[in-house]
Amino acid sequence: MTSEVAAGAGKGGTTSRRPVLGIAVSLAGNVLGAGMLLMPSVVEGTMGAASPGAWGAHLALGGVVALLLAGMVARARPNRLPGALSGLLGPWAGRLVDAVYAVAFTFGQAAIAWFAAVCLLSALSPLPPVPGPSGAALASGVLLVGTALATVAPPPGPGTLRMRAWATGLVALVCAAGAWPAAAAPDALAPDVSFPAAFWLALAALFFAGVGWESVTSSVPTARIGPRRAAGGVLLGTALVAIVYLGLAGVYRGAVGLWSGDVTPAGVRILLAVLVVVLLTSYCATNIRAAAGIASRALAPGPSGKADPGGSSGRDVPAWLIGAVCLVWTWSFAREGAVALLLLGPAAGAWTAYTVSAIAVVRRGSSAFRACGAVLAGVLVVLLVEVVRALSVL
């Protein structure tokens, strides 16, 4: 989950010399984030051998959303998604997306903290960790540190964010090669449900890894190129994301086939757990800061999602308040499958954003765009219905 996208900062940009590549790099940089650590384990724990199906469906859905949005804003001014939707549909659209994302981010940080806690518990004990007070306490510690950093530390610069992304991918690859921590903590990561409910829950949880597809509303207009070349940049960016995520999922699946249970040496587990906690704590810090900014923007008078992120509404939401809400969710979900269930919060935020985007495409696009937008809206409605049905069996 990439905080900088929803907050409006962005991690990647376009270049005047190679705008297509710039769009691709920006898209990949905004999508790839903490999901590289969380999602291979969560999807594997939820679906097992059928996990590639969920990954493929998510990548196809995200790519379609990015393509439609890129086509809609190619001739517009650069803006974050809520601002773009405000221009297409009216202020209500941007305000709705901001409000839902602000709440969704709090669930996302609770999920990140729980995953860090599961890694610590599985590293320190040979027994599978059981979701409960000990895990919630460790997760709370991660959130408290993240909230403190969000409150007092300066925002990280672009270079630091790029280094963090590379470090996250490397640690995620090592974890995948050992099928860890899913092999050591299946009950803590995902609920025990059978197909097809597992597929829909995994697909919904993957929306956490897909926050960032909407970054094209900033990068495509900045490139100042035609819709066809912009689409090429989006497709190239989607391919880069697919290489990373499908690569991690494939390594994880291969490791599960090779190893029987958790065979990662204790020392390696502890080292990986420490690295995971450090990385995820930093993501909590940037995401809590971003959620505070989004909530402040949603409460501000006038249109939500304006391009200028520096304005003050007089009702700025403090980072500590966002952290407190995250702590509430952390203790409320101290149960089996805590991580996957908490990820349904970010899923609700992304679902809302993409559904409103589909409405914008249907109302303001060309005939071909309207047809695609209608199909996208139908798919999203089916996803919502199936996820609700899957949750009813838990």
Protein backbone atom coordinates (compact mmCIF):
# COMPACT_ATOMS: atom_id res chain seq x y z
CA MET A 1 0.00 0.00 0.00
CA THR A 2 1.61 3.18 -1.15
CA SER A 3 0.85 6.10 1.09
CA GLU A 4 2.36 8.71 -1.20
CA VAL A 5 -0.20 8.03 -3.93
CA ALA A 6 -3.24 8.71 -1.83
CA ALA A 7 -1.53 11.57 -0.05
CA GLY A 8 -0.58 13.18 -3.32
CA ALA A 9 3.19 13.13 -3.09
CA GLY A 10 3.95 10.27 -5.45
CA LYS A 11 7.17 8.31 -5.63
CA GLY A 12 7.79 8.40 -9.33
CA GLY A 13 7.58 10.97 -12.05
CA THR A 14 7.74 11.23 -15.77
CA THR A 15 10.57 12.61 -17.85
CA SER A 16 10.30 14.80 -20.91
CA ARG A 17 12.75 12.67 -22.87
CA ARG A 18 11.18 9.28 -22.21
CA PRO A 19 7.61 9.93 -21.07
CA VAL A 20 6.36 6.39 -21.76
CA LEU A 21 9.06 4.88 -19.58
CA GLY A 22 8.43 7.60 -17.01
CA ILE A 23 4.75 6.63 -16.75
CA ALA A 24 5.70 2.97 -16.41
CA VAL A 25 8.27 3.62 -13.68
CA SER A 26 5.90 5.94 -11.84
CA LEU A 27 3.09 3.38 -11.93
CA ALA A 28 5.29 0.51 -10.77
CA GLY A 29 6.89 2.63 -8.06
CA ASN A 30 3.53 3.71 -6.70
CA VAL A 31 1.99 0.22 -6.68
CA LEU A 32 4.93 -1.72 -5.24
CA GLY A 33 5.25 -1.21 -1.51
CA ALA A 34 4.55 -3.06 1.72
CA GLY A 35 2.38 -5.48 -0.25
CA MET A 36 5.57 -7.17 -1.45
CA LEU A 37 6.11 -8.39 2.11
CA LEU A 38 2.53 -9.12 3.13
CA MET A 39 0.67 -10.42 0.14
CA PRO A 40 2.65 -13.53 -0.95
CA SER A 41 2.15 -15.01 2.53
CA VAL A 42 -1.48 -13.92 2.87
CA VAL A 43 -2.53 -15.16 -0.58
CA GLU A 44 -0.62 -18.41 -0.13
CA GLY A 45 -2.17 -18.91 3.30
CA THR A 46 -5.63 -18.23 1.92
CA MET A 47 -5.57 -20.15 -1.37
CA GLY A 48 -2.57 -22.45 -1.39
CA ALA A 49 -1.87 -23.96 -4.81
CA ALA A 50 -4.61 -21.86 -6.44
CA SER A 51 -2.93 -18.58 -5.46
CA PRO A 52 -1.74 -17.67 -9.03
CA GLY A 53 -5.38 -17.29 -10.05
CA ALA A 54 -5.95 -14.52 -7.50
CA TRP A 55 -2.74 -12.75 -8.50
CA GLY A 56 -3.64 -12.87 -12.18
CA ALA A 57 -7.16 -11.56 -11.58
CA HIS A 58 -5.84 -8.70 -9.45
CA LEU A 59 -3.23 -7.64 -12.00
CA ALA A 60 -5.78 -7.70 -14.81
CA LEU A 61 -8.26 -5.66 -12.79
CA GLY A 62 -5.65 -3.11 -11.70
CA GLY A 63 -4.30 -2.74 -15.23
CA VAL A 64 -7.79 -2.08 -16.61
CA VAL A 65 -8.46 0.55 -13.94
CA ALA A 66 -5.17 2.30 -14.75
CA LEU A 67 -5.81 2.20 -18.50
CA LEU A 68 -9.31 3.66 -18.19
CA LEU A 69 -8.17 6.40 -15.84
CA ALA A 70 -5.19 7.22 -18.08
CA GLY A 71 -7.50 7.63 -21.05
CA MET A 72 -9.84 9.89 -19.10
CA VAL A 73 -7.17 12.28 -17.78
CA ALA A 74 -4.67 12.29 -20.66
CA ARG A 75 -5.67 15.86 -21.60
CA ALA A 76 -6.40 17.08 -18.08
CA ARG A 77 -4.10 18.71 -15.55
CA PRO A 78 -2.11 16.48 -13.16
CA ASN A 79 -4.02 15.68 -10.00
CA ARG A 80 -4.46 12.99 -7.40
CA LEU A 81 -7.43 10.68 -7.94
CA PRO A 82 -9.91 12.50 -5.66
CA GLY A 83 -9.16 15.78 -7.42
CA ALA A 84 -9.55 14.18 -10.84
CA LEU A 85 -12.88 12.63 -9.83
CA SER A 86 -14.05 15.96 -8.41
CA GLY A 87 -13.42 17.51 -11.82
CA LEU A 88 -15.22 14.70 -13.65
CA LEU A 89 -18.21 14.12 -11.38
CA GLY A 90 -18.32 16.92 -8.84
CA PRO A 91 -16.93 17.62 -5.35
CA TRP A 92 -18.89 14.75 -3.78
CA ALA A 93 -16.80 12.18 -5.66
CA GLY A 94 -13.45 13.43 -4.43
CA ARG A 95 -14.71 13.90 -0.88
CA LEU A 96 -16.16 10.38 -0.80
CA VAL A 97 -12.92 8.79 -2.00
CA ASP A 98 -10.86 10.82 0.48
CA ALA A 99 -13.15 9.93 3.39
CA VAL A 100 -13.18 6.21 2.63
CA TYR A 101 -9.43 6.10 2.02
CA ALA A 102 -8.75 7.85 5.34
CA VAL A 103 -10.60 5.08 7.20
CA ALA A 104 -9.20 2.35 4.96
CA PHE A 105 -5.64 3.40 5.74
CA THR A 106 -6.21 2.84 9.46
CA PHE A 107 -7.22 -0.77 8.80
CA GLY A 108 -4.22 -1.16 6.52
CA GLN A 109 -1.75 -0.06 9.17
CA ALA A 110 -3.31 -2.43 11.69
CA ALA A 111 -2.83 -5.24 9.14
CA ILE A 112 0.80 -4.23 8.57
CA ALA A 113 1.45 -4.16 12.32
CA TRP A 114 -0.20 -7.55 12.82
CA PHE A 115 1.94 -9.06 10.06
CA ALA A 116 5.07 -7.68 11.75
CA ALA A 117 3.89 -9.19 15.05
CA VAL A 118 3.28 -12.59 13.42
CA CYS A 119 6.81 -12.52 11.99
CA LEU A 120 8.26 -11.78 15.42
CA LEU A 121 6.22 -14.49 17.12
CA SER A 122 7.09 -17.12 14.52
CA ALA A 123 10.76 -16.18 14.72
CA LEU A 124 10.98 -16.38 18.51
CA SER A 125 9.05 -19.61 19.05
CA PRO A 126 9.12 -23.00 17.30
CA LEU A 127 5.35 -23.26 17.82
CA PRO A 128 2.89 -21.65 15.39
CA PRO A 129 1.79 -18.26 16.79
CA VAL A 130 -1.80 -18.06 18.00
CA PRO A 131 -3.57 -14.73 17.42
CA GLY A 132 -4.28 -13.18 20.80
CA PRO A 133 -3.11 -10.61 23.36
CA SER A 134 0.61 -11.26 22.80
CA GLY A 135 0.33 -10.62 19.08
CA ALA A 136 -1.87 -7.58 19.61
CA ALA A 137 0.66 -6.16 22.09
CA LEU A 138 3.53 -6.56 19.63
CA ALA A 139 1.45 -5.06 16.83
CA SER A 140 0.57 -2.15 19.11
CA GLY A 141 4.27 -1.54 19.70
CA VAL A 142 4.87 -1.30 15.95
CA LEU A 143 2.00 1.16 15.62
CA LEU A 144 3.13 3.28 18.55
CA VAL A 145 6.61 3.65 17.08
CA GLY A 146 5.15 4.36 13.64
CA THR A 147 2.80 6.97 15.08
CA ALA A 148 5.66 8.65 16.95
CA LEU A 149 7.72 8.79 13.77
CA ALA A 150 4.76 10.17 11.82
CA THR A 151 4.34 12.87 14.45
CA VAL A 152 7.93 14.07 14.98
CA ALA A 153 10.10 12.79 12.12
CA PRO A 154 10.35 14.67 8.81
CA PRO A 155 8.83 12.97 5.76
CA PRO A 156 11.31 10.75 3.89
CA GLY A 157 12.70 12.08 0.64
CA PRO A 158 12.34 10.43 -2.79
CA GLY A 159 15.76 8.78 -2.54
CA THR A 160 14.91 7.22 0.82
CA LEU A 161 11.60 5.95 -0.52
CA ARG A 162 13.31 4.33 -3.50
CA MET A 163 15.87 2.65 -1.25
CA ARG A 164 13.07 1.37 0.99
CA ALA A 165 11.23 -0.10 -1.98
CA TRP A 166 14.33 -1.98 -3.15
CA ALA A 167 15.05 -3.21 0.39
CA THR A 168 11.45 -4.34 0.78
CA GLY A 169 11.60 -6.30 -2.48
CA LEU A 170 14.85 -7.98 -1.49
CA VAL A 171 13.60 -9.01 1.96
CA ALA A 172 10.33 -10.18 0.41
CA LEU A 173 12.26 -12.36 -2.03
CA VAL A 174 14.25 -14.00 0.77
CA CYS A 175 11.05 -14.62 2.74
CA ALA A 176 9.40 -16.13 -0.34
CA ALA A 177 12.36 -18.44 -0.92
CA GLY A 178 11.80 -19.89 2.54
CA ALA A 179 7.99 -19.89 2.30
CA TRP A 180 8.07 -17.79 5.45
CA PRO A 181 6.11 -16.77 7.49
CA ALA A 182 3.03 -18.50 6.02
CA ALA A 183 4.54 -21.95 6.61
CA ALA A 184 5.06 -21.06 10.27
CA ALA A 185 1.89 -19.09 10.95
CA PRO A 186 -0.99 -20.12 8.69
CA ASP A 187 -3.81 -19.42 11.18
CA ALA A 188 -2.63 -15.92 12.04
CA LEU A 189 -2.43 -14.73 8.45
CA ALA A 190 -5.59 -15.99 6.80
CA PRO A 191 -8.93 -17.53 7.80
CA ASP A 192 -9.52 -21.19 7.06
CA VAL A 193 -12.06 -21.12 4.24
CA SER A 194 -12.51 -23.29 1.19
CA PHE A 195 -12.78 -22.41 -2.48
CA PRO A 196 -14.48 -20.31 -3.89
CA ALA A 197 -14.78 -18.16 -0.75
CA ALA A 198 -10.98 -18.24 -0.40
CA PHE A 199 -10.55 -16.86 -3.92
CA TRP A 200 -12.81 -13.87 -3.33
CA LEU A 201 -11.23 -13.06 0.03
CA ALA A 202 -7.73 -13.31 -1.45
CA LEU A 203 -8.69 -11.13 -4.42
CA ALA A 204 -10.18 -8.52 -2.10
CA ALA A 205 -7.12 -8.57 0.17
CA LEU A 206 -4.91 -7.99 -2.87
CA PHE A 207 -6.46 -4.56 -3.28
CA PHE A 208 -4.03 -3.59 -0.51
CA ALA A 209 -1.16 -4.38 -2.88
CA GLY A 210 -2.88 -2.44 -5.65
CA VAL A 211 -3.29 0.98 -4.08
CA GLY A 212 -1.30 2.99 -6.59
CA TRP A 213 -2.90 2.02 -9.89
CA GLU A 214 -4.68 5.37 -9.73
CA SER A 215 -1.37 7.26 -9.75
CA VAL A 216 -1.81 7.63 -13.53
CA THR A 217 -4.05 10.64 -12.84
CA SER A 218 -0.84 12.49 -11.97
CA SER A 219 1.79 10.87 -14.17
CA VAL A 220 -0.09 10.66 -17.48
CA PRO A 221 -1.10 14.35 -17.71
CA THR A 222 2.44 15.34 -16.68
CA ALA A 223 3.87 13.36 -19.62
CA ARG A 224 1.91 15.46 -22.12
CA ILE A 225 1.59 12.67 -24.68
CA GLY A 226 -1.32 11.18 -26.59
CA PRO A 227 -3.65 8.49 -25.22
CA ARG A 228 -2.02 5.70 -27.23
CA ARG A 229 1.49 6.37 -25.94
CA ALA A 230 0.10 6.88 -22.45
CA ALA A 231 -1.59 3.47 -22.71
CA GLY A 232 1.77 2.01 -23.70
CA GLY A 233 3.32 3.45 -20.55
CA VAL A 234 0.51 2.04 -18.41
CA LEU A 235 0.86 -1.41 -20.00
CA LEU A 236 4.62 -1.36 -19.47
CA GLY A 237 4.13 -0.33 -15.84
CA THR A 238 1.57 -3.10 -15.37
CA ALA A 239 4.07 -5.58 -16.80
CA LEU A 240 6.73 -4.40 -14.33
CA VAL A 241 4.31 -4.85 -11.41
CA ALA A 242 3.32 -8.29 -12.72
CA ILE A 243 6.96 -9.39 -12.97
CA VAL A 244 7.58 -8.47 -9.34
CA TYR A 245 4.39 -9.81 -7.81
CA LEU A 246 4.06 -12.94 -9.93
CA GLY A 247 7.78 -13.55 -9.42
CA LEU A 248 7.42 -13.39 -5.64
CA ALA A 249 4.30 -15.55 -5.74
CA GLY A 250 6.04 -18.09 -7.98
CA VAL A 251 9.07 -18.30 -5.71
CA TYR A 252 6.77 -18.72 -2.71
CA ARG A 253 4.77 -21.45 -4.45
CA GLY A 254 7.95 -23.26 -5.48
CA ALA A 255 9.33 -23.08 -1.95
CA VAL A 256 6.12 -24.52 -0.55
CA GLY A 257 6.50 -27.44 -2.96
CA LEU A 258 10.12 -28.01 -1.97
CA TRP A 259 9.94 -27.62 1.79
CA SER A 260 7.74 -29.45 4.26
CA GLY A 261 6.63 -26.95 6.86
CA ASP A 262 8.85 -24.18 8.19
CA VAL A 263 12.48 -25.10 7.55
CA THR A 264 13.95 -21.60 7.80
CA PRO A 265 16.80 -21.69 10.37
CA ALA A 266 16.04 -19.90 13.65
CA GLY A 267 18.82 -17.33 13.19
CA VAL A 268 17.61 -16.47 9.70
CA ARG A 269 14.04 -16.16 10.94
CA ILE A 270 15.09 -13.71 13.65
CA LEU A 271 17.11 -11.62 11.21
CA LEU A 272 14.26 -11.56 8.71
CA ALA A 273 11.78 -10.69 11.45
CA VAL A 274 13.89 -7.73 12.55
CA LEU A 275 14.20 -6.48 8.96
CA VAL A 276 10.47 -6.94 8.35
CA VAL A 277 9.59 -5.05 11.53
CA VAL A 278 11.91 -2.16 10.69
CA LEU A 279 10.57 -1.86 7.14
CA LEU A 280 6.92 -2.19 8.11
CA THR A 281 7.28 0.28 10.96
CA SER A 282 8.56 2.81 8.42
CA TYR A 283 5.56 2.08 6.18
CA CYS A 284 3.24 2.59 9.15
CA ALA A 285 4.86 5.97 9.78
CA THR A 286 4.45 7.25 6.22
CA ASN A 287 0.96 5.78 5.87
CA ILE A 288 -0.27 7.22 9.18
CA ARG A 289 1.04 10.62 8.12
CA ALA A 290 -0.68 10.18 4.76
CA ALA A 291 -3.97 9.11 6.36
CA ALA A 292 -3.90 12.22 8.55
CA GLY A 293 -3.44 14.35 5.43
CA ILE A 294 -6.25 12.58 3.60
CA ALA A 295 -8.62 12.93 6.55
CA SER A 296 -7.77 16.63 6.84
CA ARG A 297 -8.46 17.11 3.15
CA ALA A 298 -11.79 15.27 3.42
CA LEU A 299 -12.85 17.59 6.25
CA ALA A 300 -11.69 20.76 4.52
CA PRO A 301 -14.29 23.16 3.11
CA GLY A 302 -14.60 23.26 -0.65
CA PRO A 303 -13.72 20.54 -3.18
CA SER A 304 -11.74 17.61 -1.82
CA GLY A 305 -8.57 16.39 -3.47
CA LYS A 306 -7.23 19.69 -4.77
CA ALA A 307 -3.87 19.58 -6.48
CA ASP A 308 -2.27 21.82 -3.86
CA PRO A 309 -1.59 19.65 -0.79
CA GLY A 310 -0.22 22.51 1.28
CA GLY A 311 -3.43 24.29 2.17
CA SER A 312 -4.69 24.13 5.74
CA SER A 313 -8.34 23.57 6.49
CA GLY A 314 -8.15 24.68 10.11
CA ARG A 315 -9.29 21.16 11.02
CA ASP A 316 -6.10 19.23 10.46
CA VAL A 317 -6.31 15.67 11.78
CA PRO A 318 -3.30 14.84 13.99
CA ALA A 319 -1.25 11.73 13.30
CA TRP A 320 -1.73 10.50 16.88
CA LEU A 321 -5.49 10.29 16.31
CA ILE A 322 -4.98 8.11 13.23
CA GLY A 323 -2.61 5.92 15.25
CA ALA A 324 -5.22 5.58 18.00
CA VAL A 325 -7.81 4.36 15.50
CA CYS A 326 -5.28 1.84 14.17
CA LEU A 327 -4.80 0.51 17.71
CA VAL A 328 -8.55 -0.01 18.06
CA TRP A 329 -8.61 -2.21 14.95
CA THR A 330 -5.48 -4.05 16.09
CA TRP A 331 -7.11 -5.25 19.31
CA SER A 332 -10.53 -5.78 17.72
CA PHE A 333 -9.12 -8.30 15.21
CA ALA A 334 -7.03 -10.43 17.58
CA ARG A 335 -8.36 -13.62 16.04
CA GLU A 336 -7.63 -16.25 13.40
CA GLY A 337 -6.90 -14.70 10.03
CA ALA A 338 -6.34 -11.25 11.54
CA VAL A 339 -4.08 -9.98 8.75
CA ALA A 340 -6.31 -11.00 5.85
CA LEU A 341 -9.46 -9.70 7.53
CA LEU A 342 -7.88 -6.33 8.34
CA LEU A 343 -6.80 -6.04 4.71
CA LEU A 344 -10.47 -5.90 3.76
CA GLY A 345 -10.39 -2.30 5.05
CA PRO A 346 -7.98 -1.13 2.34
CA ALA A 347 -9.97 -3.29 -0.07
CA ALA A 348 -13.09 -1.26 0.74
CA GLY A 349 -11.20 1.96 0.07
CA ALA A 350 -9.81 0.79 -3.27
CA TRP A 351 -13.18 -0.70 -4.25
CA THR A 352 -14.89 2.64 -3.61
CA ALA A 353 -12.26 4.58 -5.54
CA TYR A 354 -12.40 2.24 -8.51
CA THR A 355 -16.19 2.09 -8.53
CA VAL A 356 -16.47 5.89 -8.55
CA SER A 357 -13.82 5.90 -11.29
CA ALA A 358 -15.94 3.48 -13.32
CA ILE A 359 -18.94 5.76 -12.88
CA ALA A 360 -16.86 8.69 -14.13
CA VAL A 361 -15.81 6.70 -17.19
CA VAL A 362 -19.42 5.73 -17.94
CA ARG A 363 -20.66 9.30 -17.59
CA ARG A 364 -17.83 11.23 -19.24
CA GLY A 365 -16.06 8.84 -21.60
CA SER A 366 -16.46 7.98 -25.25
CA SER A 367 -18.68 5.12 -26.38
CA ALA A 368 -15.90 2.54 -26.11
CA PHE A 369 -14.82 3.91 -22.75
CA ARG A 370 -18.38 3.82 -21.46
CA ALA A 371 -18.72 0.17 -22.38
CA CYS A 372 -15.47 -0.69 -20.62
CA GLY A 373 -16.48 1.37 -17.60
CA ALA A 374 -19.80 -0.44 -17.39
CA VAL A 375 -18.04 -3.82 -17.51
CA LEU A 376 -15.61 -2.69 -14.80
CA ALA A 377 -18.47 -1.52 -12.61
CA GLY A 378 -20.22 -4.86 -13.07
CA VAL A 379 -17.10 -6.79 -12.11
CA LEU A 380 -16.67 -4.67 -8.98
CA VAL A 381 -20.28 -5.25 -7.96
CA VAL A 382 -19.83 -9.01 -8.38
CA LEU A 383 -16.67 -8.83 -6.29
CA LEU A 384 -18.49 -7.03 -3.50
CA VAL A 385 -21.35 -9.53 -3.49
CA GLU A 386 -19.02 -12.52 -3.44
CA VAL A 387 -16.83 -11.09 -0.68
CA VAL A 388 -19.87 -10.44 1.51
CA ARG A 389 -21.01 -14.00 0.83
CA ALA A 390 -17.57 -15.34 1.71
CA LEU A 391 -17.52 -13.39 4.98
CA SER A 392 -20.89 -14.86 5.92
CA VAL A 393 -19.34 -18.33 6.22
CA LEU A 394 -16.61 -17.28 8.65
